[in-house]
N, C-alpha and C. Protein backbone atom coordinates (compact mmCIF):
# COMPACT_ATOMS: atom_id res chain seq x y z
N PRO A 1 -55.44 -61.04 102.41
CA PRO A 1 -54.28 -60.91 103.29
C PRO A 1 -53.31 -62.08 103.18
N GLY A 2 -53.82 -63.30 102.96
CA GLY A 2 -52.94 -64.46 102.86
C GLY A 2 -52.02 -64.38 101.66
N LYS A 3 -52.55 -64.00 100.52
CA LYS A 3 -51.72 -63.88 99.31
C LYS A 3 -50.72 -62.73 99.45
N LEU A 4 -51.13 -61.64 100.08
CA LEU A 4 -50.20 -60.53 100.31
C LEU A 4 -49.03 -60.99 101.18
N CYS A 5 -49.34 -61.71 102.25
CA CYS A 5 -48.28 -62.20 103.13
C CYS A 5 -47.35 -63.15 102.39
N GLN A 6 -47.88 -64.02 101.54
CA GLN A 6 -47.03 -64.90 100.74
C GLN A 6 -46.13 -64.08 99.82
N ALA A 7 -46.70 -63.06 99.20
CA ALA A 7 -45.95 -62.26 98.23
C ALA A 7 -44.76 -61.54 98.87
N VAL A 8 -44.91 -61.09 100.10
CA VAL A 8 -43.83 -60.33 100.73
C VAL A 8 -43.09 -61.11 101.81
N GLY A 9 -43.39 -62.40 101.91
CA GLY A 9 -42.63 -63.27 102.82
C GLY A 9 -42.95 -63.10 104.29
N ILE A 10 -44.18 -62.72 104.60
CA ILE A 10 -44.58 -62.58 106.01
C ILE A 10 -45.14 -63.92 106.47
N ASN A 11 -44.62 -64.42 107.60
CA ASN A 11 -45.17 -65.65 108.18
C ASN A 11 -45.55 -65.39 109.63
N ARG A 12 -45.95 -66.42 110.33
CA ARG A 12 -46.48 -66.24 111.69
C ARG A 12 -45.43 -65.81 112.71
N THR A 13 -44.16 -65.89 112.37
CA THR A 13 -43.15 -65.42 113.31
C THR A 13 -43.25 -63.91 113.51
N LEU A 14 -43.96 -63.23 112.60
CA LEU A 14 -44.12 -61.78 112.71
C LEU A 14 -45.48 -61.37 113.26
N ASN A 15 -46.29 -62.33 113.74
CA ASN A 15 -47.57 -61.98 114.34
C ASN A 15 -47.37 -60.96 115.45
N ARG A 16 -48.23 -59.96 115.45
CA ARG A 16 -48.24 -58.89 116.45
C ARG A 16 -47.02 -57.96 116.38
N TRP A 17 -46.21 -58.08 115.34
CA TRP A 17 -45.07 -57.18 115.20
C TRP A 17 -45.57 -55.82 114.74
N ASP A 18 -45.09 -54.76 115.33
CA ASP A 18 -45.53 -53.40 115.03
C ASP A 18 -44.73 -52.83 113.86
N VAL A 19 -45.39 -52.65 112.71
CA VAL A 19 -44.70 -52.13 111.53
C VAL A 19 -44.24 -50.69 111.71
N THR A 20 -44.82 -49.98 112.68
CA THR A 20 -44.42 -48.58 112.89
C THR A 20 -43.06 -48.47 113.58
N LEU A 21 -42.56 -49.59 114.11
CA LEU A 21 -41.25 -49.55 114.76
C LEU A 21 -40.11 -49.56 113.75
N GLY A 22 -40.37 -50.06 112.53
CA GLY A 22 -39.37 -50.07 111.48
C GLY A 22 -38.19 -50.97 111.75
N GLN A 23 -38.40 -52.07 112.45
CA GLN A 23 -37.30 -52.97 112.78
C GLN A 23 -37.36 -54.23 111.93
N LYS A 24 -38.06 -55.26 112.37
CA LYS A 24 -38.13 -56.51 111.61
C LYS A 24 -39.00 -56.38 110.37
N LEU A 25 -40.02 -55.59 110.46
CA LEU A 25 -41.01 -55.47 109.39
C LEU A 25 -41.33 -54.00 109.21
N TRP A 26 -41.32 -53.52 107.95
CA TRP A 26 -41.62 -52.13 107.71
C TRP A 26 -42.22 -51.98 106.32
N LEU A 27 -42.76 -50.82 106.07
CA LEU A 27 -43.32 -50.48 104.76
C LEU A 27 -42.42 -49.43 104.14
N GLU A 28 -42.20 -49.54 102.85
CA GLU A 28 -41.38 -48.54 102.17
C GLU A 28 -41.89 -48.32 100.76
N ALA A 29 -41.59 -47.15 100.24
CA ALA A 29 -42.02 -46.81 98.88
C ALA A 29 -41.20 -47.62 97.87
N THR A 30 -41.83 -47.95 96.77
CA THR A 30 -41.15 -48.66 95.68
C THR A 30 -41.29 -47.84 94.41
N ALA A 31 -40.79 -48.38 93.33
CA ALA A 31 -40.91 -47.70 92.04
C ALA A 31 -42.39 -47.54 91.69
N PRO A 32 -42.76 -46.46 91.04
CA PRO A 32 -44.15 -46.26 90.64
C PRO A 32 -44.63 -47.36 89.68
N ILE A 33 -45.89 -47.66 89.76
CA ILE A 33 -46.51 -48.66 88.89
C ILE A 33 -47.29 -47.91 87.81
N PRO A 34 -47.05 -48.20 86.54
CA PRO A 34 -47.78 -47.51 85.48
C PRO A 34 -49.30 -47.73 85.61
N ASP A 35 -50.08 -46.69 85.36
CA ASP A 35 -51.53 -46.79 85.47
C ASP A 35 -52.11 -47.94 84.67
N GLY A 36 -51.60 -48.21 83.51
CA GLY A 36 -52.13 -49.28 82.68
C GLY A 36 -51.91 -50.67 83.24
N ALA A 37 -51.06 -50.80 84.25
CA ALA A 37 -50.77 -52.11 84.84
C ALA A 37 -51.67 -52.42 86.03
N ILE A 38 -52.45 -51.45 86.48
CA ILE A 38 -53.32 -51.64 87.65
C ILE A 38 -54.70 -52.07 87.18
N GLU A 39 -55.18 -53.18 87.73
CA GLU A 39 -56.52 -53.69 87.42
C GLU A 39 -57.41 -53.48 88.64
N THR A 40 -58.70 -53.39 88.40
CA THR A 40 -59.67 -53.26 89.49
C THR A 40 -60.81 -54.23 89.26
N GLY A 41 -61.50 -54.55 90.33
CA GLY A 41 -62.66 -55.42 90.23
C GLY A 41 -63.33 -55.53 91.58
N PRO A 42 -64.42 -56.30 91.65
CA PRO A 42 -65.12 -56.45 92.92
C PRO A 42 -64.31 -57.31 93.89
N ARG A 43 -64.49 -57.06 95.18
CA ARG A 43 -63.83 -57.87 96.19
C ARG A 43 -64.37 -59.29 96.17
N VAL A 44 -63.60 -60.21 96.71
CA VAL A 44 -63.96 -61.63 96.73
C VAL A 44 -64.41 -62.01 98.14
N GLY A 45 -65.46 -62.81 98.24
CA GLY A 45 -65.87 -63.38 99.52
C GLY A 45 -66.60 -62.43 100.44
N ILE A 46 -67.35 -61.48 99.90
CA ILE A 46 -68.12 -60.59 100.77
C ILE A 46 -69.61 -60.73 100.46
N ASN A 47 -70.08 -61.95 100.43
CA ASN A 47 -71.48 -62.23 100.11
C ASN A 47 -72.45 -61.58 101.09
N PHE A 48 -71.98 -61.23 102.28
CA PHE A 48 -72.83 -60.62 103.30
C PHE A 48 -73.12 -59.14 102.99
N ALA A 49 -72.35 -58.54 102.10
CA ALA A 49 -72.50 -57.11 101.79
C ALA A 49 -73.69 -56.88 100.87
N THR A 50 -74.08 -55.63 100.75
CA THR A 50 -75.18 -55.29 99.84
C THR A 50 -74.72 -55.58 98.41
N PRO A 51 -75.65 -55.83 97.49
CA PRO A 51 -75.26 -56.09 96.10
C PRO A 51 -74.37 -54.99 95.51
N ALA A 52 -74.68 -53.73 95.81
CA ALA A 52 -73.86 -52.63 95.28
C ALA A 52 -72.43 -52.71 95.82
N ASP A 53 -72.29 -53.02 97.10
CA ASP A 53 -70.94 -53.13 97.68
C ASP A 53 -70.22 -54.37 97.17
N GLN A 54 -70.94 -55.44 96.90
CA GLN A 54 -70.31 -56.65 96.37
C GLN A 54 -69.68 -56.40 95.01
N GLN A 55 -70.30 -55.54 94.21
CA GLN A 55 -69.83 -55.28 92.85
C GLN A 55 -68.94 -54.05 92.73
N ALA A 56 -68.77 -53.30 93.82
CA ALA A 56 -67.94 -52.08 93.78
C ALA A 56 -66.49 -52.44 93.47
N PRO A 57 -65.80 -51.64 92.71
CA PRO A 57 -64.40 -51.93 92.33
C PRO A 57 -63.42 -51.58 93.45
N TRP A 58 -63.51 -52.32 94.56
CA TRP A 58 -62.67 -52.07 95.73
C TRP A 58 -61.46 -52.98 95.79
N ARG A 59 -61.22 -53.72 94.76
CA ARG A 59 -60.09 -54.65 94.72
C ARG A 59 -59.14 -54.17 93.63
N HIS A 60 -57.88 -54.04 93.97
CA HIS A 60 -56.88 -53.54 93.03
C HIS A 60 -55.69 -54.49 93.02
N TRP A 61 -55.12 -54.71 91.83
CA TRP A 61 -53.96 -55.58 91.71
C TRP A 61 -53.16 -55.19 90.48
N ILE A 62 -51.94 -55.68 90.43
CA ILE A 62 -51.08 -55.43 89.28
C ILE A 62 -51.27 -56.59 88.30
N ARG A 63 -51.59 -56.25 87.08
CA ARG A 63 -51.86 -57.26 86.04
C ARG A 63 -50.72 -58.28 85.98
N GLY A 64 -51.09 -59.56 85.98
CA GLY A 64 -50.11 -60.62 85.85
C GLY A 64 -49.43 -61.04 87.14
N ASN A 65 -49.76 -60.42 88.27
CA ASN A 65 -49.11 -60.78 89.53
C ASN A 65 -49.59 -62.15 89.97
N ARG A 66 -48.67 -63.06 90.25
CA ARG A 66 -49.03 -64.44 90.58
C ARG A 66 -49.61 -64.61 91.97
N PHE A 67 -49.55 -63.56 92.79
CA PHE A 67 -50.07 -63.66 94.15
C PHE A 67 -51.51 -63.18 94.29
N VAL A 68 -52.15 -62.79 93.19
CA VAL A 68 -53.52 -62.32 93.25
C VAL A 68 -54.47 -63.51 93.31
N SER A 69 -55.41 -63.46 94.28
CA SER A 69 -56.41 -64.53 94.42
C SER A 69 -57.29 -64.57 93.19
N LYS A 70 -57.78 -65.75 92.87
CA LYS A 70 -58.72 -65.88 91.76
C LYS A 70 -60.05 -65.24 92.15
N GLY A 71 -60.64 -64.51 91.25
CA GLY A 71 -61.90 -63.82 91.53
C GLY A 71 -63.09 -64.73 91.53
């Protein structure tokens, strides 16, 4: 969540802001991302999960994006 907020410029001034209101903060569709540019891998920092869940490919990112946490 921290890297996502950095990537889209969200800071604490928007804490508790309702994205469904579509005012200060909203979600919108962007240009499609080519399938070959999407990477997957295991999530980071879930040592409490079962081994199968720790290794499941539940993490997705765009190749080369500078806001992706190190695995």
